[in-house]
C-alpha atoms as a PDB file:
ATOM      1  CA  MET A   1     135.115 281.971 -11.361  1.00  0.00           C
ATOM      2  CA  LYS A   2     134.112 279.391 -13.942  1.00  0.00           C
ATOM      3  CA  LYS A   3     130.529 278.001 -14.098  1.00  0.00           C
ATOM      4  CA  SER A   4     131.745 274.494 -13.438  1.00  0.00           C
ATOM      5  CA  GLN A   5     133.638 275.661 -10.315  1.00  0.00           C
ATOM      6  CA  ILE A   6     130.544 277.394  -8.951  1.00  0.00           C
ATOM      7  CA  LYS A   7     128.537 274.157  -9.554  1.00  0.00           C
ATOM      8  CA  THR A   8     131.238 272.099  -7.726  1.00  0.00           C
ATOM      9  CA  ASP A   9     131.322 274.543  -4.817  1.00  0.00           C
ATOM     10  CA  ARG A  10     127.508 274.488  -4.587  1.00  0.00           C
ATOM     11  CA  PHE A  11     127.382 270.700  -4.483  1.00  0.00           C
ATOM     12  CA  SER A  12     130.236 270.547  -1.984  1.00  0.00           C
ATOM     13  CA  SER A  13     128.230 272.755   0.305  1.00  0.00           C
ATOM     14  CA  VAL A  14     125.069 270.630  -0.098  1.00  0.00           C
ATOM     15  CA  ILE A  15     127.038 267.396   0.455  1.00  0.00           C
ATOM     16  CA  ARG A  16     128.593 268.755   3.669  1.00  0.00           C
ATOM     17  CA  GLU A  17     125.240 269.938   4.985  1.00  0.00           C
ATOM     18  CA  VAL A  18     123.417 266.771   4.167  1.00  0.00           C
ATOM     19  CA  THR A  19     126.216 264.650   5.681  1.00  0.00           C
ATOM     20  CA  LEU A  20     126.107 266.650   8.884  1.00  0.00           C
ATOM     21  CA  LYS A  21     122.324 266.438   9.094  1.00  0.00           C
ATOM     22  CA  MET A  22     122.274 262.666   8.500  1.00  0.00           C
ATOM     23  CA  GLU A  23     125.085 262.083  11.035  1.00  0.00           C
ATOM     24  CA  ASN A  24     122.993 263.961  13.581  1.00  0.00           C
ATOM     25  CA  SER A  25     119.868 261.955  12.654  1.00  0.00           C
ATOM     26  CA  GLU A  26     118.100 265.097  11.263  1.00  0.00           C
ATOM     27  CA  MET A  27     116.574 263.023   8.479  1.00  0.00           C
ATOM     28  CA  GLU A  28     113.661 265.377   7.722  1.00  0.00           C
ATOM     29  CA  ASP A  29     116.013 268.393   7.302  1.00  0.00           C
ATOM     30  CA  SER A  30     118.484 266.414   5.214  1.00  0.00           C
ATOM     31  CA  TYR A  31     115.613 265.243   2.950  1.00  0.00           C
ATOM     32  CA  LYS A  32     114.439 268.801   2.399  1.00  0.00           C
ATOM     33  CA  ILE A  33     117.973 269.942   1.443  1.00  0.00           C
ATOM     34  CA  ILE A  34     118.292 267.059  -0.993  1.00  0.00           C
ATOM     35  CA  ILE A  35     114.939 267.746  -2.641  1.00  0.00           C
ATOM     36  CA  ASP A  36     115.739 271.414  -2.969  1.00  0.00           C
ATOM     37  CA  SER A  37     119.006 270.527  -4.648  1.00  0.00           C
ATOM     38  CA  LEU A  38     117.270 268.073  -6.934  1.00  0.00           C
ATOM     39  CA  ARG A  39     114.738 270.736  -7.962  1.00  0.00           C
ATOM     40  CA  GLU A  40     117.535 273.228  -8.722  1.00  0.00           C
ATOM     41  CA  ASN A  41     119.724 270.703 -10.494  1.00  0.00           C
ATOM     42  CA  PRO A  42     117.530 267.964 -12.016  1.00  0.00           C
ATOM     43  CA  ASP A  43     120.293 266.873 -14.446  1.00  0.00           C
ATOM     44  CA  ALA A  44     123.039 266.477 -11.832  1.00  0.00           C
ATOM     45  CA  PRO A  45     124.035 263.103 -10.363  1.00  0.00           C
ATOM     46  CA  GLU A  46     124.883 264.498  -6.919  1.00  0.00           C
ATOM     47  CA  PRO A  47     121.348 264.985  -5.621  1.00  0.00           C
ATOM     48  CA  GLN A  48     120.272 261.595  -6.942  1.00  0.00           C
ATOM     49  CA  ASN A  49     123.254 260.005  -5.078  1.00  0.00           C
ATOM     50  CA  LEU A  50     122.318 261.808  -1.863  1.00  0.00           C
ATOM     51  CA  LEU A  51     118.718 260.706  -2.200  1.00  0.00           C
ATOM     52  CA  GLY A  52     119.924 257.160  -2.675  1.00  0.00           C
ATOM     53  CA  LEU A  53     121.980 257.439   0.568  1.00  0.00           C
ATOM     54  CA  TRP A  54     118.993 258.896   2.394  1.00  0.00           C
ATOM     55  CA  ASN A  55     116.822 255.984   1.358  1.00  0.00           C
ATOM     56  CA  GLU A  56     119.530 253.453   2.174  1.00  0.00           C
ATOM     57  CA  VAL A  57     119.876 254.865   5.705  1.00  0.00           C
ATOM     58  CA  ASN A  58     116.121 254.600   6.023  1.00  0.00           C
ATOM     59  CA  LYS A  59     116.318 250.919   4.967  1.00  0.00           C
ATOM     60  CA  ASN A  60     114.520 251.496   1.660  1.00  0.00           C
ATOM     61  CA  PHE A  61     117.046 249.650  -0.438  1.00  0.00           C
ATOM     62  CA  ASP A  62     114.949 249.338  -3.582  1.00  0.00           C
ATOM     63  CA  LEU A  63     114.468 253.117  -3.780  1.00  0.00           C
ATOM     64  CA  ALA A  64     118.132 253.675  -2.910  1.00  0.00           C
ATOM     65  CA  ARG A  65     119.190 251.527  -5.884  1.00  0.00           C
ATOM     66  CA  LYS A  66     116.820 253.443  -8.199  1.00  0.00           C
ATOM     67  CA  HIS A  67     118.440 256.807  -7.184  1.00  0.00           C
ATOM     68  CA  TYR A  68     121.977 255.390  -7.561  1.00  0.00           C
ATOM     69  CA  ARG A  69     121.099 254.130 -11.037  1.00  0.00           C
ATOM     70  CA  ALA A  70     119.589 257.548 -11.859  1.00  0.00           C
ATOM     71  CA  ALA A  71     122.781 259.269 -10.735  1.00  0.00           C
ATOM     72  CA  TYR A  72     124.828 256.808 -12.842  1.00  0.00           C
ATOM     73  CA  ALA A  73     122.500 257.411 -15.891  1.00  0.00           C
ATOM     74  CA  LEU A  74     123.029 261.161 -15.575  1.00  0.00           C
ATOM     75  CA  ASP A  75     126.785 260.872 -15.339  1.00  0.00           C
ATOM     76  CA  PRO A  76     128.464 257.416 -15.628  1.00  0.00           C
ATOM     77  CA  THR A  77     131.739 258.995 -14.514  1.00  0.00           C
ATOM     78  CA  TYR A  78     130.344 260.070 -11.105  1.00  0.00           C
ATOM     79  CA  ARG A  79     132.124 257.429  -8.966  1.00  0.00           C
ATOM     80  CA  PRO A  80     130.263 257.931  -5.659  1.00  0.00           C
ATOM     81  CA  ALA A  81     127.061 256.658  -7.220  1.00  0.00           C
ATOM     82  CA  THR A  82     128.840 253.677  -8.777  1.00  0.00           C
ATOM     83  CA  ILE A  83     130.456 252.781  -5.450  1.00  0.00           C
ATOM     84  CA  ASN A  84     127.185 253.141  -3.580  1.00  0.00           C
ATOM     85  CA  LEU A  85     125.347 251.021  -6.186  1.00  0.00           C
ATOM     86  CA  GLU A  86     127.950 248.319  -5.955  1.00  0.00           C
ATOM     87  CA  ARG A  87     127.608 248.329  -2.182  1.00  0.00           C
ATOM     88  CA  VAL A  88     123.851 248.198  -2.061  1.00  0.00           C
ATOM     89  CA  CYS A  89     123.613 245.541  -4.717  1.00  0.00           C
ATOM     90  CA  SER A  90     126.241 243.167  -3.365  1.00  0.00           C
ATOM     91  CA  THR A  91     125.469 240.583  -0.780  1.00  0.00           C
ATOM     92  CA  LEU A  92     128.747 239.901   0.936  1.00  0.00           C
ATOM     93  CA  SER A  93     131.732 241.876  -0.281  1.00  0.00           C
ATOM     94  CA  GLY A  94     129.909 245.201  -0.465  1.00  0.00           C
ATOM     95  CA  ARG A  95     129.260 245.363   3.284  1.00  0.00           C
ATOM     96  CA  ASN A  96     132.730 246.761   3.952  1.00  0.00           C
ATOM     97  CA  ILE A  97     132.329 249.591   1.472  1.00  0.00           C
ATOM     98  CA  PRO A  98     131.533 252.859   3.264  1.00  0.00           C
ATOM     99  CA  MET A  99     128.716 255.155   2.126  1.00  0.00           C
ATOM    100  CA  ASN A 100     130.055 257.732  -0.270  1.00  0.00           C
ATOM    101  CA  PHE A 101     128.282 261.091  -0.064  1.00  0.00           C
ATOM    102  CA  GLY A 102     130.525 262.506  -2.763  1.00  0.00           C
ATOM    103  CA  ASN A 103     133.059 263.960  -0.378  1.00  0.00           C
ATOM    104  CA  MET A 104     135.478 261.113  -0.208  1.00  0.00           C
ATOM    105  CA  LYS A 105     138.674 260.728  -2.203  1.00  0.00           C
ATOM    106  CA  ILE A 106     138.193 257.768  -4.530  1.00  0.00           C
ATOM    107  CA  GLU A 107     140.975 255.458  -5.465  1.00  0.00           C
ATOM    108  CA  GLU A 108     140.378 253.215  -8.421  1.00  0.00           C
ATOM    109  CA  PRO A 109     140.199 249.623  -7.300  1.00  0.00           C
ATOM    110  CA  LYS A 110     142.750 247.180  -8.703  1.00  0.00           C
ATOM    111  CA  VAL A 111     139.995 244.605  -9.071  1.00  0.00           C
ATOM    112  CA  SER A 112     136.274 245.413  -9.267  1.00  0.00           C
ATOM    113  CA  LEU A 113     133.808 243.650  -7.075  1.00  0.00           C
ATOM    114  CA  ILE A 114     132.299 241.921 -10.056  1.00  0.00           C
ATOM    115  CA  GLU A 115     135.672 240.398 -11.087  1.00  0.00           C
ATOM    116  CA  GLN A 116     136.040 238.921  -7.622  1.00  0.00           C
ATOM    117  CA  PHE A 117     133.289 236.413  -8.253  1.00  0.00           C
END
């Protein structure tokens, strides 16, 4: 198995576990999982994105934006962070964008949110 496949499988497992914990309001447990993943993979965008989601769910929008930006800075091609950043930074149109834990299939928009204004 390739190293990149192992990394992908590892993050898929973390994303599933955090998603389940957050859906069940097990916020402290989900936070611990995210922090452990961040310690193991400080250069990966996935833990930063998850930490942004955790903060957003807990209504700490400034910190959520910081973590989405950190995920974007680590990998500008990681679309879940871009989508989440667009949602949390937009005032009206972003409200219909679902939270993306990194486990959703992403279709490229025909028009970006910025172009709509």
